[in-house]
């Protein structure tokens, strides 16, 4: 079997698409250490930065196996950003607090755990006790 890719980026894309289809804004919260630009580091609060990645808020958005890549504008100045998947804290909408999306960190743990575990040996079908089919005749 070939090596499987992470499913985290696919779930992030699906969550983003679903939010936008429902006309909700899409935000991400990232770990502050993922932001290397000196100017943008001034926007970090509590070691996190929240960014609107809704359609129209960013350009050149790509979500792939390495992270989330886009150009965002801060105070009218465009900044190209590459956020590694492990730096992503959450993808959410501020428009409806009742919506809880899967947390990327939890998804990554599953992805990375799956990548590091060996596949289980296939079970021996002959060792499973099979019931013989039976038919009961019912007379009126």
C-alpha atoms as a PDB file:
ATOM      1  CA  UNK A   1       0.000   0.000   0.000  1.00  0.00           C
ATOM      2  CA  UNK A   2       1.354   3.452  -0.855  1.00  0.00           C
ATOM      3  CA  UNK A   3       1.789   6.067   1.853  1.00  0.00           C
ATOM      4  CA  UNK A   4      -1.476   7.884   2.572  1.00  0.00           C
ATOM      5  CA  UNK A   5      -1.607  11.660   2.567  1.00  0.00           C
ATOM      6  CA  UNK A   6      -2.929  13.663   5.507  1.00  0.00           C
ATOM      7  CA  UNK A   7      -6.705  14.104   5.509  1.00  0.00           C
ATOM      8  CA  UNK A   8      -6.510  17.276   7.639  1.00  0.00           C
ATOM      9  CA  UNK A   9      -6.195  19.637   4.626  1.00  0.00           C
ATOM     10  CA  UNK A  10      -9.230  18.016   2.990  1.00  0.00           C
ATOM     11  CA  UNK A  11     -11.352  18.488   6.114  1.00  0.00           C
ATOM     12  CA  UNK A  12     -10.218  22.110   6.408  1.00  0.00           C
ATOM     13  CA  UNK A  13     -11.179  22.758   2.777  1.00  0.00           C
ATOM     14  CA  UNK A  14     -14.556  21.079   3.281  1.00  0.00           C
ATOM     15  CA  UNK A  15     -15.260  23.092   6.449  1.00  0.00           C
ATOM     16  CA  UNK A  16     -14.290  26.335   4.707  1.00  0.00           C
ATOM     17  CA  UNK A  17     -16.433  25.541   1.671  1.00  0.00           C
ATOM     18  CA  UNK A  18     -19.450  24.642   3.833  1.00  0.00           C
ATOM     19  CA  UNK A  19     -19.166  27.877   5.832  1.00  0.00           C
ATOM     20  CA  UNK A  20     -18.922  29.966   2.666  1.00  0.00           C
ATOM     21  CA  UNK A  21     -21.861  28.152   1.050  1.00  0.00           C
ATOM     22  CA  UNK A  22     -23.878  29.234   4.077  1.00  0.00           C
ATOM     23  CA  UNK A  23     -22.645  32.819   3.707  1.00  0.00           C
ATOM     24  CA  UNK A  24     -20.601  32.713   6.913  1.00  0.00           C
ATOM     25  CA  UNK A  25     -17.187  34.264   7.383  1.00  0.00           C
ATOM     26  CA  UNK A  26     -14.206  31.954   7.816  1.00  0.00           C
ATOM     27  CA  UNK A  27     -11.445  32.732  10.307  1.00  0.00           C
ATOM     28  CA  UNK A  28      -8.361  30.853  11.420  1.00  0.00           C
ATOM     29  CA  UNK A  29      -6.446  31.227  14.657  1.00  0.00           C
ATOM     30  CA  UNK A  30      -2.758  30.398  14.412  1.00  0.00           C
ATOM     31  CA  UNK A  31       0.080  30.065  16.894  1.00  0.00           C
ATOM     32  CA  UNK A  32       2.080  33.269  17.189  1.00  0.00           C
ATOM     33  CA  UNK A  33       5.410  31.569  16.496  1.00  0.00           C
ATOM     34  CA  UNK A  34       4.183  30.736  12.970  1.00  0.00           C
ATOM     35  CA  UNK A  35       4.212  34.459  12.137  1.00  0.00           C
ATOM     36  CA  UNK A  36       7.738  35.521  11.240  1.00  0.00           C
ATOM     37  CA  UNK A  37       7.101  38.945   9.718  1.00  0.00           C
ATOM     38  CA  UNK A  38       8.218  41.657  12.167  1.00  0.00           C
ATOM     39  CA  UNK A  39       5.318  43.967  11.303  1.00  0.00           C
ATOM     40  CA  UNK A  40       2.676  41.247  11.692  1.00  0.00           C
ATOM     41  CA  UNK A  41       4.144  40.078  15.007  1.00  0.00           C
ATOM     42  CA  UNK A  42       2.832  43.329  16.526  1.00  0.00           C
ATOM     43  CA  UNK A  43      -0.714  41.993  15.910  1.00  0.00           C
ATOM     44  CA  UNK A  44      -0.157  38.825  17.984  1.00  0.00           C
ATOM     45  CA  UNK A  45      -2.166  38.665  21.222  1.00  0.00           C
ATOM     46  CA  UNK A  46      -1.872  35.827  23.770  1.00  0.00           C
ATOM     47  CA  UNK A  47       0.577  34.144  21.386  1.00  0.00           C
ATOM     48  CA  UNK A  48      -2.118  33.802  18.693  1.00  0.00           C
ATOM     49  CA  UNK A  49      -3.170  35.651  15.572  1.00  0.00           C
ATOM     50  CA  UNK A  50      -6.683  35.455  14.103  1.00  0.00           C
ATOM     51  CA  UNK A  51      -7.025  35.954  10.348  1.00  0.00           C
ATOM     52  CA  UNK A  52     -10.111  36.220   8.127  1.00  0.00           C
ATOM     53  CA  UNK A  53      -9.574  33.767   5.240  1.00  0.00           C
ATOM     54  CA  UNK A  54     -13.029  34.178   3.709  1.00  0.00           C
ATOM     55  CA  UNK A  55     -13.355  34.467  -0.028  1.00  0.00           C
ATOM     56  CA  UNK A  56     -12.533  38.084  -0.866  1.00  0.00           C
ATOM     57  CA  UNK A  57     -10.553  38.650   2.337  1.00  0.00           C
ATOM     58  CA  UNK A  58      -7.465  36.823   1.036  1.00  0.00           C
ATOM     59  CA  UNK A  59      -6.052  35.986  -2.387  1.00  0.00           C
ATOM     60  CA  UNK A  60      -4.133  33.021  -3.772  1.00  0.00           C
ATOM     61  CA  UNK A  61      -5.480  30.704  -1.052  1.00  0.00           C
ATOM     62  CA  UNK A  62      -4.097  27.166  -1.163  1.00  0.00           C
ATOM     63  CA  UNK A  63      -4.727  24.519   1.486  1.00  0.00           C
ATOM     64  CA  UNK A  64      -2.459  21.516   0.974  1.00  0.00           C
ATOM     65  CA  UNK A  65      -0.367  18.888   2.746  1.00  0.00           C
ATOM     66  CA  UNK A  66       2.148  21.473   3.993  1.00  0.00           C
ATOM     67  CA  UNK A  67      -0.267  24.084   5.306  1.00  0.00           C
ATOM     68  CA  UNK A  68      -2.435  27.062   4.442  1.00  0.00           C
ATOM     69  CA  UNK A  69      -0.878  29.552   2.027  1.00  0.00           C
ATOM     70  CA  UNK A  70      -2.394  32.894   1.021  1.00  0.00           C
ATOM     71  CA  UNK A  71      -1.906  36.633   0.679  1.00  0.00           C
ATOM     72  CA  UNK A  72      -3.722  38.698   3.326  1.00  0.00           C
ATOM     73  CA  UNK A  73      -3.983  42.450   3.684  1.00  0.00           C
ATOM     74  CA  UNK A  74      -3.239  44.101   6.997  1.00  0.00           C
ATOM     75  CA  UNK A  75      -3.805  47.883   7.078  1.00  0.00           C
ATOM     76  CA  UNK A  76      -3.988  47.786   3.282  1.00  0.00           C
ATOM     77  CA  UNK A  77      -0.576  46.138   2.874  1.00  0.00           C
ATOM     78  CA  UNK A  78      -0.486  42.641   1.290  1.00  0.00           C
ATOM     79  CA  UNK A  79       1.482  39.967   3.181  1.00  0.00           C
ATOM     80  CA  UNK A  80       2.128  36.489   1.764  1.00  0.00           C
ATOM     81  CA  UNK A  81       1.637  33.954   4.569  1.00  0.00           C
ATOM     82  CA  UNK A  82       2.345  30.230   4.882  1.00  0.00           C
ATOM     83  CA  UNK A  83       0.854  28.671   7.983  1.00  0.00           C
ATOM     84  CA  UNK A  84       2.032  25.110   8.731  1.00  0.00           C
ATOM     85  CA  UNK A  85      -0.777  22.718   9.665  1.00  0.00           C
ATOM     86  CA  UNK A  86       0.666  22.170  13.137  1.00  0.00           C
ATOM     87  CA  UNK A  87       0.491  25.926  13.817  1.00  0.00           C
ATOM     88  CA  UNK A  88      -3.243  26.081  13.080  1.00  0.00           C
ATOM     89  CA  UNK A  89      -5.284  26.213  16.279  1.00  0.00           C
ATOM     90  CA  UNK A  90      -8.777  26.481  14.817  1.00  0.00           C
ATOM     91  CA  UNK A  91     -10.885  27.251  11.772  1.00  0.00           C
ATOM     92  CA  UNK A  92     -14.198  28.842  12.757  1.00  0.00           C
ATOM     93  CA  UNK A  93     -16.875  31.386  12.003  1.00  0.00           C
ATOM     94  CA  UNK A  94     -17.576  34.338  14.284  1.00  0.00           C
ATOM     95  CA  UNK A  95     -21.058  34.580  12.741  1.00  0.00           C
ATOM     96  CA  UNK A  96     -22.647  31.686  14.613  1.00  0.00           C
ATOM     97  CA  UNK A  97     -21.265  30.549  17.956  1.00  0.00           C
ATOM     98  CA  UNK A  98     -23.340  27.370  17.856  1.00  0.00           C
ATOM     99  CA  UNK A  99     -21.195  25.858  15.091  1.00  0.00           C
ATOM    100  CA  UNK A 100     -18.307  23.732  16.324  1.00  0.00           C
ATOM    101  CA  UNK A 101     -15.871  22.577  13.686  1.00  0.00           C
ATOM    102  CA  UNK A 102     -13.286  19.845  14.044  1.00  0.00           C
ATOM    103  CA  UNK A 103     -10.097  21.120  15.642  1.00  0.00           C
ATOM    104  CA  UNK A 104      -7.062  20.883  13.315  1.00  0.00           C
ATOM    105  CA  UNK A 105      -4.725  19.842  16.153  1.00  0.00           C
ATOM    106  CA  UNK A 106      -6.929  16.842  16.919  1.00  0.00           C
ATOM    107  CA  UNK A 107      -7.099  15.965  13.209  1.00  0.00           C
ATOM    108  CA  UNK A 108      -3.320  16.171  12.918  1.00  0.00           C
ATOM    109  CA  UNK A 109      -2.855  13.839  15.896  1.00  0.00           C
ATOM    110  CA  UNK A 110      -4.985  11.271  14.109  1.00  0.00           C
ATOM    111  CA  UNK A 111      -3.153  11.870  10.818  1.00  0.00           C
ATOM    112  CA  UNK A 112       0.296  11.628  12.398  1.00  0.00           C
ATOM    113  CA  UNK A 113      -0.690   8.666  14.560  1.00  0.00           C
ATOM    114  CA  UNK A 114      -1.962   6.817  11.515  1.00  0.00           C
ATOM    115  CA  UNK A 115       1.234   7.563   9.622  1.00  0.00           C
ATOM    116  CA  UNK A 116       3.386   6.180  12.444  1.00  0.00           C
ATOM    117  CA  UNK A 117       1.451   3.017  13.266  1.00  0.00           C
ATOM    118  CA  UNK A 118       1.978  -0.223  11.436  1.00  0.00           C
ATOM    119  CA  UNK A 119      -1.060  -1.740   9.718  1.00  0.00           C
ATOM    120  CA  UNK A 120      -2.719  -4.520  11.687  1.00  0.00           C
ATOM    121  CA  UNK A 121      -2.373  -8.043  10.392  1.00  0.00           C
ATOM    122  CA  UNK A 122      -5.409  -9.264   8.551  1.00  0.00           C
ATOM    123  CA  UNK A 123      -7.599 -11.525  10.639  1.00  0.00           C
ATOM    124  CA  UNK A 124      -7.757 -15.185   9.734  1.00  0.00           C
ATOM    125  CA  UNK A 125     -11.281 -15.733   8.433  1.00  0.00           C
ATOM    126  CA  UNK A 126     -11.100 -19.475   9.047  1.00  0.00           C
ATOM    127  CA  UNK A 127     -10.652 -18.850  12.773  1.00  0.00           C
ATOM    128  CA  UNK A 128     -14.028 -17.116  12.975  1.00  0.00           C
ATOM    129  CA  UNK A 129     -16.865 -19.432  13.885  1.00  0.00           C
ATOM    130  CA  UNK A 130     -19.496 -19.184  11.206  1.00  0.00           C
ATOM    131  CA  UNK A 131     -23.140 -19.985  11.804  1.00  0.00           C
ATOM    132  CA  UNK A 132     -24.762 -22.203   9.246  1.00  0.00           C
ATOM    133  CA  UNK A 133     -27.795 -20.646   7.628  1.00  0.00           C
ATOM    134  CA  UNK A 134     -31.010 -22.324   8.624  1.00  0.00           C
ATOM    135  CA  UNK A 135     -34.589 -22.235   7.469  1.00  0.00           C
ATOM    136  CA  UNK A 136     -37.625 -22.784   9.653  1.00  0.00           C
ATOM    137  CA  UNK A 137     -40.816 -23.986   8.023  1.00  0.00           C
ATOM    138  CA  UNK A 138     -43.972 -22.516   9.499  1.00  0.00           C
ATOM    139  CA  UNK A 139     -47.293 -24.215   8.680  1.00  0.00           C
ATOM    140  CA  UNK A 140     -50.660 -22.468   8.789  1.00  0.00           C
END
